[in-house]
Amino acid sequence: MSYRAEAEYQDSELGAALQDLDEVIRHDPANVDAYEERAMAYYGTGWYEQALTDATQGVSLNPKKTDPYSNRAYVLVELKQYDKAIADLSDAIKYSPAKDGDLYSRRGLVYLSKHDYDHAIADLTEAAKLDANQAEIFKSRASAYLGKKQNDLAIADLTHAIQINPKDTDAYLRRANEYQNRQRYDLALADLNRALEASPDDSDAQNMLGWMMSTCPNPKFRNGKEALAHANKACEFTSWNQGEIIDTLAAAFAELGNFSQAAAWEQRAITLMKSENSEHQQDAAKRLELYKAKQPYRDTHPKG
């Protein structure tokens, strides 16, 4: 029956898998594999407390096996119990029969969640040595480098991630952010266009292009007509209900000199932002005053 439960779990039939695993455990209360499988089935349904109970039972039944610690760490991360997750991943690494890049990468991500950038970089560097073809490892390490204000190293890691996967939209967008921070608008624009080529339906790519073409301090890179087209698409892709994206639409109208539309859409953006981000709402309110005064907005910071 546990084989059937495993097949059901793989097919995302989690309810059936849980039912079968209940029966397996009832007949064999010391079946560590069944506890592990049921823990991950509960994890898949979002029942994290039940998943934690089963994962802990799996650890108790086999305290020198990697998988129970690894599985429990997944649950602990969801419960935001990061120190316990780190401890479990450390035990998983300790008992692993061979060095496992995924375990180092996961522990690095937990350190990153704690803003412990030095430990994150150490683990992600080890993961990169073990699996140099995983773009996500380099993107994660880039985040840690940014946390330490080591932006050159972050750009280098994002560039490496792009070399691994030339269609990695997220890496292009993140590198574009850094280029805009350095006022390298030519490089930023190139990355934003590459991101859009890789994922034409990506709302973030459309939004960031619309924002840069509307608000860039260097007039060489502004184009109100194109900005409006990108902003419209970003709004369509997000069902016209995200304040930060409608904020970009307003900026595009302002760049075109249509300040009445800019003000109207900015007010709509502020209304939507009330349930999103108070800091962004305050910035949007300042833009609204600019548009009412018939002035466009110029930004030296990227919108990512």
C-alpha atoms as a PDB file:
ATOM      1  CA  MET A   1       0.000   0.000   0.000  1.00  0.00           C
ATOM      2  CA  SER A   2       2.902   2.415   0.624  1.00  0.00           C
ATOM      3  CA  TYR A   3       3.922   2.008  -3.031  1.00  0.00           C
ATOM      4  CA  ARG A   4       0.405   3.001  -4.033  1.00  0.00           C
ATOM      5  CA  ALA A   5       0.558   5.985  -1.680  1.00  0.00           C
ATOM      6  CA  GLU A   6       3.856   7.067  -3.218  1.00  0.00           C
ATOM      7  CA  ALA A   7       2.353   6.863  -6.695  1.00  0.00           C
ATOM      8  CA  GLU A   8      -0.676   8.848  -5.541  1.00  0.00           C
ATOM      9  CA  TYR A   9       1.615  11.472  -4.009  1.00  0.00           C
ATOM     10  CA  GLN A  10       3.591  11.746  -7.248  1.00  0.00           C
ATOM     11  CA  ASP A  11       0.297  12.204  -9.131  1.00  0.00           C
ATOM     12  CA  SER A  12      -0.757  14.934  -6.663  1.00  0.00           C
ATOM     13  CA  GLU A  13      -3.590  12.777  -5.329  1.00  0.00           C
ATOM     14  CA  LEU A  14      -2.720  13.882  -1.815  1.00  0.00           C
ATOM     15  CA  GLY A  15      -6.000  12.950  -0.173  1.00  0.00           C
ATOM     16  CA  ALA A  16      -5.799   9.373  -1.400  1.00  0.00           C
ATOM     17  CA  ALA A  17      -2.118   9.194  -0.443  1.00  0.00           C
ATOM     18  CA  LEU A  18      -2.873  10.344   3.097  1.00  0.00           C
ATOM     19  CA  GLN A  19      -5.628   7.776   3.452  1.00  0.00           C
ATOM     20  CA  ASP A  20      -3.343   4.938   2.340  1.00  0.00           C
ATOM     21  CA  LEU A  21      -0.478   6.134   4.540  1.00  0.00           C
ATOM     22  CA  ASP A  22      -2.779   6.280   7.570  1.00  0.00           C
ATOM     23  CA  GLU A  23      -3.499   2.614   6.982  1.00  0.00           C
ATOM     24  CA  VAL A  24       0.183   1.729   6.541  1.00  0.00           C
ATOM     25  CA  ILE A  25       1.117   3.450   9.812  1.00  0.00           C
ATOM     26  CA  ARG A  26      -1.796   1.827  11.633  1.00  0.00           C
ATOM     27  CA  HIS A  27      -0.435  -1.602  10.694  1.00  0.00           C
ATOM     28  CA  ASP A  28       3.240  -0.649  11.105  1.00  0.00           C
ATOM     29  CA  PRO A  29       3.756   2.205  13.612  1.00  0.00           C
ATOM     30  CA  ALA A  30       7.544   2.037  13.174  1.00  0.00           C
ATOM     31  CA  ASN A  31       7.509   2.503   9.377  1.00  0.00           C
ATOM     32  CA  VAL A  32       9.813   5.506   9.010  1.00  0.00           C
ATOM     33  CA  ASP A  33       9.263   5.761   5.243  1.00  0.00           C
ATOM     34  CA  ALA A  34       5.512   6.027   5.760  1.00  0.00           C
ATOM     35  CA  TYR A  35       5.929   8.852   8.257  1.00  0.00           C
ATOM     36  CA  GLU A  36       8.225  10.669   5.857  1.00  0.00           C
ATOM     37  CA  GLU A  37       5.807  10.232   2.969  1.00  0.00           C
ATOM     38  CA  ARG A  38       2.841  11.344   5.063  1.00  0.00           C
ATOM     39  CA  ALA A  39       4.796  14.338   6.321  1.00  0.00           C
ATOM     40  CA  MET A  40       5.455  15.458   2.747  1.00  0.00           C
ATOM     41  CA  ALA A  41       1.852  14.769   1.761  1.00  0.00           C
ATOM     42  CA  TYR A  42       0.677  16.997   4.605  1.00  0.00           C
ATOM     43  CA  TYR A  43       3.310  19.542   3.526  1.00  0.00           C
ATOM     44  CA  GLY A  44       1.889  19.462   0.008  1.00  0.00           C
ATOM     45  CA  THR A  45      -1.589  20.280   1.317  1.00  0.00           C
ATOM     46  CA  GLY A  46      -0.345  23.110   3.554  1.00  0.00           C
ATOM     47  CA  TRP A  47      -1.047  21.245   6.818  1.00  0.00           C
ATOM     48  CA  TYR A  48       2.293  22.213   8.265  1.00  0.00           C
ATOM     49  CA  GLU A  49       1.663  21.350  11.904  1.00  0.00           C
ATOM     50  CA  GLN A  50       0.613  17.804  10.953  1.00  0.00           C
ATOM     51  CA  ALA A  51       3.600  17.616   8.623  1.00  0.00           C
ATOM     52  CA  LEU A  52       5.907  18.688  11.455  1.00  0.00           C
ATOM     53  CA  THR A  53       4.543  16.008  13.773  1.00  0.00           C
ATOM     54  CA  ASP A  54       5.138  13.253  11.214  1.00  0.00           C
ATOM     55  CA  ALA A  55       8.534  14.592  10.177  1.00  0.00           C
ATOM     56  CA  THR A  56       9.601  14.667  13.820  1.00  0.00           C
ATOM     57  CA  GLN A  57       8.450  11.073  14.221  1.00  0.00           C
ATOM     58  CA  GLY A  58      10.555  10.171  11.183  1.00  0.00           C
ATOM     59  CA  VAL A  59      13.610  11.771  12.792  1.00  0.00           C
ATOM     60  CA  SER A  60      12.966   9.917  16.035  1.00  0.00           C
ATOM     61  CA  LEU A  61      12.698   6.555  14.274  1.00  0.00           C
ATOM     62  CA  ASN A  62      15.866   7.075  12.234  1.00  0.00           C
ATOM     63  CA  PRO A  63      18.051   9.815  13.753  1.00  0.00           C
ATOM     64  CA  LYS A  64      21.063   9.085  11.532  1.00  0.00           C
ATOM     65  CA  LYS A  65      19.319   9.287   8.179  1.00  0.00           C
ATOM     66  CA  THR A  66      19.478  12.375   5.959  1.00  0.00           C
ATOM     67  CA  ASP A  67      15.941  12.445   4.561  1.00  0.00           C
ATOM     68  CA  PRO A  68      13.964  12.907   7.800  1.00  0.00           C
ATOM     69  CA  TYR A  69      15.983  16.009   8.699  1.00  0.00           C
ATOM     70  CA  SER A  70      15.754  17.312   5.150  1.00  0.00           C
ATOM     71  CA  ASN A  71      11.978  16.819   5.047  1.00  0.00           C
ATOM     72  CA  ARG A  72      11.441  18.443   8.429  1.00  0.00           C
ATOM     73  CA  ALA A  73      13.499  21.430   7.316  1.00  0.00           C
ATOM     74  CA  TYR A  74      11.051  22.070   4.475  1.00  0.00           C
ATOM     75  CA  VAL A  75       8.242  22.305   7.007  1.00  0.00           C
ATOM     76  CA  LEU A  76      10.192  24.440   9.464  1.00  0.00           C
ATOM     77  CA  VAL A  77      10.960  26.966   6.738  1.00  0.00           C
ATOM     78  CA  GLU A  78       7.245  27.313   5.987  1.00  0.00           C
ATOM     79  CA  LEU A  79       6.639  27.856   9.696  1.00  0.00           C
ATOM     80  CA  LYS A  80       9.439  30.469   9.675  1.00  0.00           C
ATOM     81  CA  GLN A  81      11.351  28.539  12.345  1.00  0.00           C
ATOM     82  CA  TYR A  82      14.604  29.311  10.615  1.00  0.00           C
ATOM     83  CA  ASP A  83      17.069  28.385  13.357  1.00  0.00           C
ATOM     84  CA  LYS A  84      15.516  24.943  13.691  1.00  0.00           C
ATOM     85  CA  ALA A  85      15.530  24.539   9.915  1.00  0.00           C
ATOM     86  CA  ILE A  86      19.239  25.378   9.823  1.00  0.00           C
ATOM     87  CA  ALA A  87      19.908  22.823  12.549  1.00  0.00           C
ATOM     88  CA  ASP A  88      18.022  20.140  10.617  1.00  0.00           C
ATOM     89  CA  LEU A  89      19.786  20.943   7.351  1.00  0.00           C
ATOM     90  CA  SER A  90      23.099  20.776   9.199  1.00  0.00           C
ATOM     91  CA  ASP A  91      22.187  17.290  10.411  1.00  0.00           C
ATOM     92  CA  ALA A  92      21.044  16.349   6.910  1.00  0.00           C
ATOM     93  CA  ILE A  93      24.433  17.442   5.584  1.00  0.00           C
ATOM     94  CA  LYS A  94      26.190  15.582   8.401  1.00  0.00           C
ATOM     95  CA  TYR A  95      24.447  12.263   7.684  1.00  0.00           C
ATOM     96  CA  SER A  96      24.402  12.548   3.900  1.00  0.00           C
ATOM     97  CA  PRO A  97      26.520   9.757   2.345  1.00  0.00           C
ATOM     98  CA  ALA A  98      27.929  12.282  -0.163  1.00  0.00           C
ATOM     99  CA  LYS A  99      28.118  16.054  -0.381  1.00  0.00           C
ATOM    100  CA  ASP A 100      24.742  17.291  -1.613  1.00  0.00           C
ATOM    101  CA  GLY A 101      24.659  20.696  -3.290  1.00  0.00           C
ATOM    102  CA  ASP A 102      20.919  21.012  -2.794  1.00  0.00           C
ATOM    103  CA  LEU A 103      21.265  20.775   0.987  1.00  0.00           C
ATOM    104  CA  TYR A 104      23.923  23.494   1.049  1.00  0.00           C
ATOM    105  CA  SER A 105      21.809  25.640  -1.259  1.00  0.00           C
ATOM    106  CA  ARG A 106      18.727  25.236   0.920  1.00  0.00           C
ATOM    107  CA  ARG A 107      20.641  26.065   4.091  1.00  0.00           C
ATOM    108  CA  GLY A 108      22.102  29.091   2.333  1.00  0.00           C
ATOM    109  CA  LEU A 109      18.604  30.281   1.472  1.00  0.00           C
ATOM    110  CA  VAL A 110      17.517  29.948   5.101  1.00  0.00           C
ATOM    111  CA  TYR A 111      20.528  32.004   6.198  1.00  0.00           C
ATOM    112  CA  LEU A 112      19.527  34.519   3.527  1.00  0.00           C
ATOM    113  CA  SER A 113      16.025  34.702   5.041  1.00  0.00           C
ATOM    114  CA  LYS A 114      17.692  35.569   8.367  1.00  0.00           C
ATOM    115  CA  HIS A 115      19.844  38.235   6.657  1.00  0.00           C
ATOM    116  CA  ASP A 116      22.899  36.255   7.753  1.00  0.00           C
ATOM    117  CA  TYR A 117      24.700  37.047   4.524  1.00  0.00           C
ATOM    118  CA  ASP A 118      28.130  35.668   5.403  1.00  0.00           C
ATOM    119  CA  HIS A 119      26.826  32.193   6.185  1.00  0.00           C
ATOM    120  CA  ALA A 120      24.526  32.361   3.163  1.00  0.00           C
ATOM    121  CA  ILE A 121      27.447  33.168   0.872  1.00  0.00           C
ATOM    122  CA  ALA A 122      29.544  30.366   2.372  1.00  0.00           C
ATOM    123  CA  ASP A 123      26.814  27.762   1.823  1.00  0.00           C
ATOM    124  CA  LEU A 124      25.864  28.982  -1.635  1.00  0.00           C
ATOM    125  CA  THR A 125      29.525  29.005  -2.657  1.00  0.00           C
ATOM    126  CA  GLU A 126      29.794  25.380  -1.566  1.00  0.00           C
ATOM    127  CA  ALA A 127      26.611  24.582  -3.491  1.00  0.00           C
ATOM    128  CA  ALA A 128      28.038  26.263  -6.593  1.00  0.00           C
ATOM    129  CA  LYS A 129      31.166  24.116  -6.360  1.00  0.00           C
ATOM    130  CA  LEU A 130      29.025  20.983  -6.229  1.00  0.00           C
ATOM    131  CA  ASP A 131      26.606  22.028  -8.962  1.00  0.00           C
ATOM    132  CA  ALA A 132      27.978  24.806 -11.138  1.00  0.00           C
ATOM    133  CA  ASN A 133      25.126  24.612 -13.660  1.00  0.00           C
ATOM    134  CA  GLN A 134      22.328  25.793 -11.373  1.00  0.00           C
ATOM    135  CA  ALA A 135      21.518  29.415 -12.174  1.00  0.00           C
ATOM    136  CA  GLU A 136      19.350  29.733  -9.052  1.00  0.00           C
ATOM    137  CA  ILE A 137      22.377  29.234  -6.808  1.00  0.00           C
ATOM    138  CA  PHE A 138      24.171  32.197  -8.360  1.00  0.00           C
ATOM    139  CA  LYS A 139      21.033  34.355  -8.247  1.00  0.00           C
ATOM    140  CA  SER A 140      20.609  33.540  -4.557  1.00  0.00           C
ATOM    141  CA  ARG A 141      24.239  34.353  -3.840  1.00  0.00           C
ATOM    142  CA  ALA A 142      23.767  37.632  -5.718  1.00  0.00           C
ATOM    143  CA  SER A 143      21.016  38.498  -3.215  1.00  0.00           C
ATOM    144  CA  ALA A 144      23.412  37.819  -0.348  1.00  0.00           C
ATOM    145  CA  TYR A 145      26.096  39.979  -1.958  1.00  0.00           C
ATOM    146  CA  LEU A 146      23.564  42.784  -2.373  1.00  0.00           C
ATOM    147  CA  GLY A 147      22.752  42.446   1.320  1.00  0.00           C
ATOM    148  CA  LYS A 148      26.422  43.118   2.037  1.00  0.00           C
ATOM    149  CA  LYS A 149      26.505  46.012  -0.490  1.00  0.00           C
ATOM    150  CA  GLN A 150      28.949  44.029  -2.623  1.00  0.00           C
ATOM    151  CA  ASN A 151      27.188  45.006  -5.812  1.00  0.00           C
ATOM    152  CA  ASP A 152      30.021  44.153  -8.204  1.00  0.00           C
ATOM    153  CA  LEU A 153      29.994  40.561  -6.988  1.00  0.00           C
ATOM    154  CA  ALA A 154      26.197  40.488  -7.267  1.00  0.00           C
ATOM    155  CA  ILE A 155      26.331  41.634 -10.893  1.00  0.00           C
ATOM    156  CA  ALA A 156      28.999  39.024 -11.608  1.00  0.00           C
ATOM    157  CA  ASP A 157      26.767  36.271 -10.189  1.00  0.00           C
ATOM    158  CA  LEU A 158      23.742  37.481 -12.140  1.00  0.00           C
ATOM    159  CA  THR A 159      25.869  37.537 -15.283  1.00  0.00           C
ATOM    160  CA  HIS A 160      26.973  33.978 -14.574  1.00  0.00           C
ATOM    161  CA  ALA A 161      23.347  32.929 -14.083  1.00  0.00           C
ATOM    162  CA  ILE A 162      22.511  34.423 -17.479  1.00  0.00           C
ATOM    163  CA  GLN A 163      25.400  32.553 -19.059  1.00  0.00           C
ATOM    164  CA  ILE A 164      23.946  29.325 -17.676  1.00  0.00           C
ATOM    165  CA  ASN A 165      20.429  30.224 -18.823  1.00  0.00           C
ATOM    166  CA  PRO A 166      20.303  32.984 -21.457  1.00  0.00           C
ATOM    167  CA  LYS A 167      16.510  33.077 -21.131  1.00  0.00           C
ATOM    168  CA  ASP A 168      16.433  33.739 -17.394  1.00  0.00           C
ATOM    169  CA  THR A 169      14.075  36.709 -17.276  1.00  0.00           C
ATOM    170  CA  ASP A 170      14.472  37.224 -13.536  1.00  0.00           C
ATOM    171  CA  ALA A 171      18.267  37.475 -13.790  1.00  0.00           C
ATOM    172  CA  TYR A 172      18.010  40.099 -16.532  1.00  0.00           C
ATOM    173  CA  LEU A 173      15.526  42.145 -14.491  1.00  0.00           C
ATOM    174  CA  ARG A 174      17.646  41.998 -11.372  1.00  0.00           C
ATOM    175  CA  ARG A 175      20.804  42.960 -13.259  1.00  0.00           C
ATOM    176  CA  ALA A 176      18.894  45.811 -14.900  1.00  0.00           C
ATOM    177  CA  ASN A 177      18.062  47.099 -11.409  1.00  0.00           C
ATOM    178  CA  GLU A 178      21.724  47.227 -10.544  1.00  0.00           C
ATOM    179  CA  TYR A 179      22.653  48.925 -13.797  1.00  0.00           C
ATOM    180  CA  GLN A 180      19.989  51.571 -13.217  1.00  0.00           C
ATOM    181  CA  ASN A 181      21.328  52.164  -9.715  1.00  0.00           C
ATOM    182  CA  ARG A 182      24.689  52.892 -11.361  1.00  0.00           C
ATOM    183  CA  GLN A 183      23.014  55.102 -13.955  1.00  0.00           C
ATOM    184  CA  ARG A 184      24.151  52.719 -16.683  1.00  0.00           C
ATOM    185  CA  TYR A 185      20.869  53.158 -18.458  1.00  0.00           C
ATOM    186  CA  ASP A 186      22.159  51.736 -21.726  1.00  0.00           C
ATOM    187  CA  LEU A 187      22.988  48.405 -20.082  1.00  0.00           C
ATOM    188  CA  ALA A 188      19.759  48.449 -18.083  1.00  0.00           C
ATOM    189  CA  LEU A 189      17.650  49.016 -21.188  1.00  0.00           C
ATOM    190  CA  ALA A 190      19.441  46.201 -23.000  1.00  0.00           C
ATOM    191  CA  ASP A 191      18.728  43.808 -20.124  1.00  0.00           C
ATOM    192  CA  LEU A 192      15.076  44.834 -19.914  1.00  0.00           C
ATOM    193  CA  ASN A 193      14.657  44.210 -23.634  1.00  0.00           C
ATOM    194  CA  ARG A 194      16.344  40.815 -23.311  1.00  0.00           C
ATOM    195  CA  ALA A 195      14.030  39.948 -20.449  1.00  0.00           C
ATOM    196  CA  LEU A 196      11.024  40.849 -22.576  1.00  0.00           C
ATOM    197  CA  GLU A 197      12.327  38.816 -25.492  1.00  0.00           C
ATOM    198  CA  ALA A 198      12.663  35.821 -23.200  1.00  0.00           C
ATOM    199  CA  SER A 199       9.210  36.292 -21.613  1.00  0.00           C
ATOM    200  CA  PRO A 200       6.894  38.613 -23.593  1.00  0.00           C
ATOM    201  CA  ASP A 201       4.034  37.988 -21.151  1.00  0.00           C
ATOM    202  CA  ASP A 202       6.057  38.806 -18.042  1.00  0.00           C
ATOM    203  CA  SER A 203       4.307  41.662 -16.235  1.00  0.00           C
ATOM    204  CA  ASP A 204       7.467  42.680 -14.341  1.00  0.00           C
ATOM    205  CA  ALA A 205       9.452  43.045 -17.566  1.00  0.00           C
ATOM    206  CA  GLN A 206       6.694  45.091 -19.191  1.00  0.00           C
ATOM    207  CA  ASN A 207       6.314  47.205 -16.047  1.00  0.00           C
ATOM    208  CA  MET A 208      10.007  47.901 -15.597  1.00  0.00           C
ATOM    209  CA  LEU A 209      10.404  48.895 -19.247  1.00  0.00           C
ATOM    210  CA  GLY A 210       7.394  51.181 -18.985  1.00  0.00           C
ATOM    211  CA  TRP A 211       8.786  52.762 -15.830  1.00  0.00           C
ATOM    212  CA  MET A 212      12.256  53.370 -17.220  1.00  0.00           C
ATOM    213  CA  MET A 213      10.950  54.795 -20.500  1.00  0.00           C
ATOM    214  CA  SER A 214       8.640  57.112 -18.529  1.00  0.00           C
ATOM    215  CA  THR A 215      10.872  58.331 -15.724  1.00  0.00           C
ATOM    216  CA  CYS A 216      14.551  57.927 -16.673  1.00  0.00           C
ATOM    217  CA  PRO A 217      16.487  61.140 -15.858  1.00  0.00           C
ATOM    218  CA  ASN A 218      18.360  60.800 -19.155  1.00  0.00           C
ATOM    219  CA  PRO A 219      15.989  61.886 -21.953  1.00  0.00           C
ATOM    220  CA  LYS A 220      17.823  59.624 -24.404  1.00  0.00           C
ATOM    221  CA  PHE A 221      16.129  56.629 -22.819  1.00  0.00           C
ATOM    222  CA  ARG A 222      12.618  58.051 -22.428  1.00  0.00           C
ATOM    223  CA  ASN A 223       9.866  57.225 -24.895  1.00  0.00           C
ATOM    224  CA  GLY A 224       6.366  58.010 -23.710  1.00  0.00           C
ATOM    225  CA  LYS A 225       4.543  56.207 -26.498  1.00  0.00           C
ATOM    226  CA  GLU A 226       6.437  52.954 -25.984  1.00  0.00           C
ATOM    227  CA  ALA A 227       6.240  53.365 -22.224  1.00  0.00           C
ATOM    228  CA  LEU A 228       2.455  53.574 -22.415  1.00  0.00           C
ATOM    229  CA  ALA A 229       2.287  50.435 -24.546  1.00  0.00           C
ATOM    230  CA  HIS A 230       4.401  48.486 -22.047  1.00  0.00           C
ATOM    231  CA  ALA A 231       2.461  49.839 -19.068  1.00  0.00           C
ATOM    232  CA  ASN A 232      -0.851  48.911 -20.669  1.00  0.00           C
ATOM    233  CA  LYS A 233       0.336  45.356 -21.230  1.00  0.00           C
ATOM    234  CA  ALA A 234       1.583  45.082 -17.646  1.00  0.00           C
ATOM    235  CA  CYS A 235      -1.821  46.249 -16.409  1.00  0.00           C
ATOM    236  CA  GLU A 236      -3.606  43.750 -18.650  1.00  0.00           C
ATOM    237  CA  PHE A 237      -1.382  40.899 -17.456  1.00  0.00           C
ATOM    238  CA  THR A 238      -2.225  41.753 -13.827  1.00  0.00           C
ATOM    239  CA  SER A 239      -5.969  42.377 -14.352  1.00  0.00           C
ATOM    240  CA  TRP A 240      -5.667  46.107 -13.637  1.00  0.00           C
ATOM    241  CA  ASN A 241      -5.569  45.560  -9.880  1.00  0.00           C
ATOM    242  CA  GLN A 242      -1.938  46.153  -8.839  1.00  0.00           C
ATOM    243  CA  GLY A 243      -1.218  49.656  -7.619  1.00  0.00           C
ATOM    244  CA  GLU A 244       2.482  49.685  -8.421  1.00  0.00           C
ATOM    245  CA  ILE A 245       1.829  48.755 -12.035  1.00  0.00           C
ATOM    246  CA  ILE A 246      -0.950  51.320 -12.484  1.00  0.00           C
ATOM    247  CA  ASP A 247       1.555  53.785 -10.989  1.00  0.00           C
ATOM    248  CA  THR A 248       3.704  53.096 -14.062  1.00  0.00           C
ATOM    249  CA  LEU A 249       0.739  53.732 -16.369  1.00  0.00           C
ATOM    250  CA  ALA A 250       0.279  57.125 -14.721  1.00  0.00           C
ATOM    251  CA  ALA A 251       3.965  57.944 -15.212  1.00  0.00           C
ATOM    252  CA  ALA A 252       3.686  57.057 -18.906  1.00  0.00           C
ATOM    253  CA  PHE A 253       0.735  59.407 -19.358  1.00  0.00           C
ATOM    254  CA  ALA A 254       2.717  62.140 -17.592  1.00  0.00           C
ATOM    255  CA  GLU A 255       5.680  61.590 -19.910  1.00  0.00           C
ATOM    256  CA  LEU A 256       3.297  62.070 -22.847  1.00  0.00           C
ATOM    257  CA  GLY A 257       2.030  65.308 -21.294  1.00  0.00           C
ATOM    258  CA  ASN A 258      -1.449  63.942 -20.563  1.00  0.00           C
ATOM    259  CA  PHE A 259      -1.500  65.056 -16.955  1.00  0.00           C
ATOM    260  CA  SER A 260      -5.243  64.674 -16.408  1.00  0.00           C
ATOM    261  CA  GLN A 261      -4.994  60.949 -17.189  1.00  0.00           C
ATOM    262  CA  ALA A 262      -1.771  60.726 -15.187  1.00  0.00           C
ATOM    263  CA  ALA A 263      -3.463  62.187 -12.108  1.00  0.00           C
ATOM    264  CA  ALA A 264      -6.546  60.011 -12.496  1.00  0.00           C
ATOM    265  CA  TRP A 265      -4.557  56.805 -12.774  1.00  0.00           C
ATOM    266  CA  GLU A 266      -2.202  57.840  -9.971  1.00  0.00           C
ATOM    267  CA  GLN A 267      -5.185  58.276  -7.694  1.00  0.00           C
ATOM    268  CA  ARG A 268      -6.344  54.795  -8.674  1.00  0.00           C
ATOM    269  CA  ALA A 269      -2.860  53.437  -7.927  1.00  0.00           C
ATOM    270  CA  ILE A 270      -2.891  55.025  -4.469  1.00  0.00           C
ATOM    271  CA  THR A 271      -6.282  53.485  -3.725  1.00  0.00           C
ATOM    272  CA  LEU A 272      -4.983  50.030  -4.607  1.00  0.00           C
ATOM    273  CA  MET A 273      -1.735  50.558  -2.707  1.00  0.00           C
ATOM    274  CA  LYS A 274      -3.644  50.961   0.568  1.00  0.00           C
ATOM    275  CA  SER A 275      -3.572  47.190   0.851  1.00  0.00           C
ATOM    276  CA  GLU A 276      -0.069  46.787  -0.595  1.00  0.00           C
ATOM    277  CA  ASN A 277       2.787  49.011   0.602  1.00  0.00           C
ATOM    278  CA  SER A 278       2.527  52.194   2.650  1.00  0.00           C
ATOM    279  CA  GLU A 279       5.951  53.477   1.565  1.00  0.00           C
ATOM    280  CA  HIS A 280       5.029  53.101  -2.102  1.00  0.00           C
ATOM    281  CA  GLN A 281       1.735  54.820  -1.367  1.00  0.00           C
ATOM    282  CA  GLN A 282       3.574  57.837   0.074  1.00  0.00           C
ATOM    283  CA  ASP A 283       5.828  58.040  -2.987  1.00  0.00           C
ATOM    284  CA  ALA A 284       2.788  57.779  -5.256  1.00  0.00           C
ATOM    285  CA  ALA A 285       1.097  60.624  -3.393  1.00  0.00           C
ATOM    286  CA  LYS A 286       4.100  62.845  -4.163  1.00  0.00           C
ATOM    287  CA  ARG A 287       3.844  61.900  -7.828  1.00  0.00           C
ATOM    288  CA  LEU A 288       0.157  62.773  -7.806  1.00  0.00           C
ATOM    289  CA  GLU A 289       1.013  66.294  -6.679  1.00  0.00           C
ATOM    290  CA  LEU A 290       3.550  66.562  -9.514  1.00  0.00           C
ATOM    291  CA  TYR A 291       0.983  65.501 -12.099  1.00  0.00           C
ATOM    292  CA  LYS A 292      -1.568  67.958 -10.728  1.00  0.00           C
ATOM    293  CA  ALA A 293       1.102  70.621 -11.211  1.00  0.00           C
ATOM    294  CA  LYS A 294       1.600  69.358 -14.797  1.00  0.00           C
ATOM    295  CA  GLN A 295       5.081  68.002 -14.157  1.00  0.00           C
ATOM    296  CA  PRO A 296       6.407  64.553 -15.098  1.00  0.00           C
ATOM    297  CA  TYR A 297       8.299  62.353 -12.650  1.00  0.00           C
ATOM    298  CA  ARG A 298      12.016  61.608 -12.895  1.00  0.00           C
ATOM    299  CA  ASP A 299      13.489  58.708 -10.967  1.00  0.00           C
ATOM    300  CA  THR A 300      17.076  57.666 -10.285  1.00  0.00           C
ATOM    301  CA  HIS A 301      16.000  54.374  -8.708  1.00  0.00           C
ATOM    302  CA  PRO A 302      14.797  51.289 -10.573  1.00  0.00           C
ATOM    303  CA  LYS A 303      11.334  49.881 -10.182  1.00  0.00           C
ATOM    304  CA  GLY A 304      11.815  46.143  -9.726  1.00  0.00           C
END
